[in-house]
């Protein structure tokens, strides 16, 4: 049940945001080896942000998932930064990636939690 959220200062038209959502959904499903049927993507463009005291384009990517393996996060960070650079032309040096491994009892979906 991954959530992939991109917050960026980059201004985008609504259609650009929709296309980015679709690309990001496919990307994160493949990255995490999950079915795209359980992936949620949120894109928030045009946010007021700064990085290193500079208001140039930057991004914060949040990825939350049950069972997110910490040992894989360095590889994920590299691939996520490359995706953001390809899609938004934002340098990896201006991208933060925030990882969350969620306990199944603390993740709700379809009227219940994922705890067994």
C-alpha atoms as a PDB file:
ATOM      1  CA  UNK A   1       0.000   0.000   0.000  1.00  0.00           C
ATOM      2  CA  UNK A   2       2.534   2.625  -1.030  1.00  0.00           C
ATOM      3  CA  UNK A   3       1.838   6.344  -0.952  1.00  0.00           C
ATOM      4  CA  UNK A   4       4.125   8.386  -3.199  1.00  0.00           C
ATOM      5  CA  UNK A   5       3.839  12.130  -2.698  1.00  0.00           C
ATOM      6  CA  UNK A   6       5.715  14.784  -4.653  1.00  0.00           C
ATOM      7  CA  UNK A   7       5.684  18.331  -3.328  1.00  0.00           C
ATOM      8  CA  UNK A   8       7.461  20.799  -5.567  1.00  0.00           C
ATOM      9  CA  UNK A   9       7.919  24.498  -6.125  1.00  0.00           C
ATOM     10  CA  UNK A  10       7.729  23.866  -9.845  1.00  0.00           C
ATOM     11  CA  UNK A  11       4.578  25.327 -11.375  1.00  0.00           C
ATOM     12  CA  UNK A  12       2.629  22.896 -13.539  1.00  0.00           C
ATOM     13  CA  UNK A  13      -0.553  22.978 -15.554  1.00  0.00           C
ATOM     14  CA  UNK A  14      -3.311  20.657 -14.330  1.00  0.00           C
ATOM     15  CA  UNK A  15      -2.805  18.241 -17.237  1.00  0.00           C
ATOM     16  CA  UNK A  16       0.948  18.075 -16.537  1.00  0.00           C
ATOM     17  CA  UNK A  17       0.173  17.126 -12.951  1.00  0.00           C
ATOM     18  CA  UNK A  18      -2.224  14.399 -14.081  1.00  0.00           C
ATOM     19  CA  UNK A  19       0.376  12.937 -16.442  1.00  0.00           C
ATOM     20  CA  UNK A  20       3.013  13.072 -13.708  1.00  0.00           C
ATOM     21  CA  UNK A  21       0.654  11.191 -11.363  1.00  0.00           C
ATOM     22  CA  UNK A  22       0.218   8.405 -13.913  1.00  0.00           C
ATOM     23  CA  UNK A  23       3.951   8.160 -14.606  1.00  0.00           C
ATOM     24  CA  UNK A  24       4.748   8.208 -10.890  1.00  0.00           C
ATOM     25  CA  UNK A  25       2.207   5.460 -10.202  1.00  0.00           C
ATOM     26  CA  UNK A  26       3.850   3.144 -12.723  1.00  0.00           C
ATOM     27  CA  UNK A  27       7.302   4.141 -11.490  1.00  0.00           C
ATOM     28  CA  UNK A  28       6.696   3.465  -7.788  1.00  0.00           C
ATOM     29  CA  UNK A  29       4.857   0.183  -8.453  1.00  0.00           C
ATOM     30  CA  UNK A  30       7.863  -1.051 -10.397  1.00  0.00           C
ATOM     31  CA  UNK A  31      10.363   0.375  -7.893  1.00  0.00           C
ATOM     32  CA  UNK A  32       8.725  -1.351  -4.926  1.00  0.00           C
ATOM     33  CA  UNK A  33       7.615  -4.415  -6.881  1.00  0.00           C
ATOM     34  CA  UNK A  34       3.987  -3.821  -5.889  1.00  0.00           C
ATOM     35  CA  UNK A  35       0.815  -3.989  -7.913  1.00  0.00           C
ATOM     36  CA  UNK A  36      -0.142  -0.589  -9.263  1.00  0.00           C
ATOM     37  CA  UNK A  37      -3.650  -1.395  -7.993  1.00  0.00           C
ATOM     38  CA  UNK A  38      -2.509  -0.551  -4.435  1.00  0.00           C
ATOM     39  CA  UNK A  39      -0.382   2.547  -5.216  1.00  0.00           C
ATOM     40  CA  UNK A  40      -1.575   6.070  -4.389  1.00  0.00           C
ATOM     41  CA  UNK A  41       0.193   9.121  -5.818  1.00  0.00           C
ATOM     42  CA  UNK A  42      -0.239  12.745  -4.827  1.00  0.00           C
ATOM     43  CA  UNK A  43       1.390  15.645  -6.690  1.00  0.00           C
ATOM     44  CA  UNK A  44       1.384  19.099  -5.130  1.00  0.00           C
ATOM     45  CA  UNK A  45       2.951  21.573  -7.538  1.00  0.00           C
ATOM     46  CA  UNK A  46       3.510  25.296  -7.211  1.00  0.00           C
ATOM     47  CA  UNK A  47       4.199  25.155  -3.469  1.00  0.00           C
ATOM     48  CA  UNK A  48       6.099  27.937  -1.775  1.00  0.00           C
ATOM     49  CA  UNK A  49       9.416  26.275  -0.990  1.00  0.00           C
ATOM     50  CA  UNK A  50      13.085  27.098  -0.641  1.00  0.00           C
ATOM     51  CA  UNK A  51      16.181  24.955  -0.460  1.00  0.00           C
ATOM     52  CA  UNK A  52      19.580  26.144   0.802  1.00  0.00           C
ATOM     53  CA  UNK A  53      18.236  29.694   1.014  1.00  0.00           C
ATOM     54  CA  UNK A  54      17.291  29.660  -2.675  1.00  0.00           C
ATOM     55  CA  UNK A  55      13.767  29.704  -4.099  1.00  0.00           C
ATOM     56  CA  UNK A  56      14.730  27.822  -7.281  1.00  0.00           C
ATOM     57  CA  UNK A  57      12.943  24.591  -8.205  1.00  0.00           C
ATOM     58  CA  UNK A  58      13.119  21.930  -5.510  1.00  0.00           C
ATOM     59  CA  UNK A  59      11.085  18.939  -4.368  1.00  0.00           C
ATOM     60  CA  UNK A  60      10.217  16.870  -1.335  1.00  0.00           C
ATOM     61  CA  UNK A  61       9.235  13.291  -2.106  1.00  0.00           C
ATOM     62  CA  UNK A  62       7.548  11.242   0.595  1.00  0.00           C
ATOM     63  CA  UNK A  63       7.191   7.508   0.233  1.00  0.00           C
ATOM     64  CA  UNK A  64       5.196   5.526   2.775  1.00  0.00           C
ATOM     65  CA  UNK A  65       4.667   1.800   2.584  1.00  0.00           C
ATOM     66  CA  UNK A  66       4.041  -1.210   4.776  1.00  0.00           C
ATOM     67  CA  UNK A  67       7.224  -3.278   4.856  1.00  0.00           C
ATOM     68  CA  UNK A  68       9.523  -0.666   3.306  1.00  0.00           C
ATOM     69  CA  UNK A  69      12.999  -2.240   3.579  1.00  0.00           C
ATOM     70  CA  UNK A  70      15.500   0.241   5.020  1.00  0.00           C
ATOM     71  CA  UNK A  71      18.377  -1.552   3.281  1.00  0.00           C
ATOM     72  CA  UNK A  72      16.831  -0.688  -0.105  1.00  0.00           C
ATOM     73  CA  UNK A  73      16.301   3.015   0.631  1.00  0.00           C
ATOM     74  CA  UNK A  74      19.695   4.174  -0.761  1.00  0.00           C
ATOM     75  CA  UNK A  75      18.837   2.573  -4.124  1.00  0.00           C
ATOM     76  CA  UNK A  76      15.281   3.921  -3.946  1.00  0.00           C
ATOM     77  CA  UNK A  77      16.605   7.432  -3.231  1.00  0.00           C
ATOM     78  CA  UNK A  78      18.864   7.303  -6.277  1.00  0.00           C
ATOM     79  CA  UNK A  79      16.054   6.092  -8.552  1.00  0.00           C
ATOM     80  CA  UNK A  80      13.510   8.552  -7.133  1.00  0.00           C
ATOM     81  CA  UNK A  81      15.896  11.473  -7.630  1.00  0.00           C
ATOM     82  CA  UNK A  82      16.550  10.349 -11.216  1.00  0.00           C
ATOM     83  CA  UNK A  83      12.776  10.130 -11.803  1.00  0.00           C
ATOM     84  CA  UNK A  84      12.232  13.648 -10.433  1.00  0.00           C
ATOM     85  CA  UNK A  85      15.093  14.996 -12.531  1.00  0.00           C
ATOM     86  CA  UNK A  86      13.707  13.334 -15.673  1.00  0.00           C
ATOM     87  CA  UNK A  87      10.110  14.405 -15.079  1.00  0.00           C
ATOM     88  CA  UNK A  88      10.567  17.864 -13.528  1.00  0.00           C
ATOM     89  CA  UNK A  89      14.129  18.898 -14.476  1.00  0.00           C
ATOM     90  CA  UNK A  90      15.018  19.329 -10.793  1.00  0.00           C
ATOM     91  CA  UNK A  91      18.566  18.411  -9.817  1.00  0.00           C
ATOM     92  CA  UNK A  92      18.896  15.518  -7.338  1.00  0.00           C
ATOM     93  CA  UNK A  93      20.870  17.941  -5.168  1.00  0.00           C
ATOM     94  CA  UNK A  94      17.592  19.879  -4.667  1.00  0.00           C
ATOM     95  CA  UNK A  95      15.432  16.873  -3.773  1.00  0.00           C
ATOM     96  CA  UNK A  96      14.781  15.443  -0.332  1.00  0.00           C
ATOM     97  CA  UNK A  97      13.291  11.942  -0.077  1.00  0.00           C
ATOM     98  CA  UNK A  98      11.473  11.033   3.128  1.00  0.00           C
ATOM     99  CA  UNK A  99      10.905   7.297   3.733  1.00  0.00           C
ATOM    100  CA  UNK A 100       8.342   5.814   6.125  1.00  0.00           C
ATOM    101  CA  UNK A 101       7.923   2.123   6.891  1.00  0.00           C
ATOM    102  CA  UNK A 102       4.381   1.847   8.229  1.00  0.00           C
ATOM    103  CA  UNK A 103       3.294  -0.828  10.694  1.00  0.00           C
ATOM    104  CA  UNK A 104       0.264  -2.690   9.245  1.00  0.00           C
ATOM    105  CA  UNK A 105      -1.846  -1.875  12.329  1.00  0.00           C
ATOM    106  CA  UNK A 106      -1.270   1.830  11.641  1.00  0.00           C
ATOM    107  CA  UNK A 107      -2.376   1.773   8.010  1.00  0.00           C
ATOM    108  CA  UNK A 108      -6.047   1.831   7.111  1.00  0.00           C
ATOM    109  CA  UNK A 109      -7.641   0.911   3.814  1.00  0.00           C
ATOM    110  CA  UNK A 110     -11.057  -0.271   2.711  1.00  0.00           C
ATOM    111  CA  UNK A 111     -12.631   0.204   6.148  1.00  0.00           C
ATOM    112  CA  UNK A 112      -9.997  -1.655   8.164  1.00  0.00           C
ATOM    113  CA  UNK A 113      -6.285  -1.765   8.912  1.00  0.00           C
ATOM    114  CA  UNK A 114      -3.796  -4.127   7.339  1.00  0.00           C
ATOM    115  CA  UNK A 115      -3.004  -5.819  10.673  1.00  0.00           C
ATOM    116  CA  UNK A 116      -3.650  -9.513  10.684  1.00  0.00           C
END
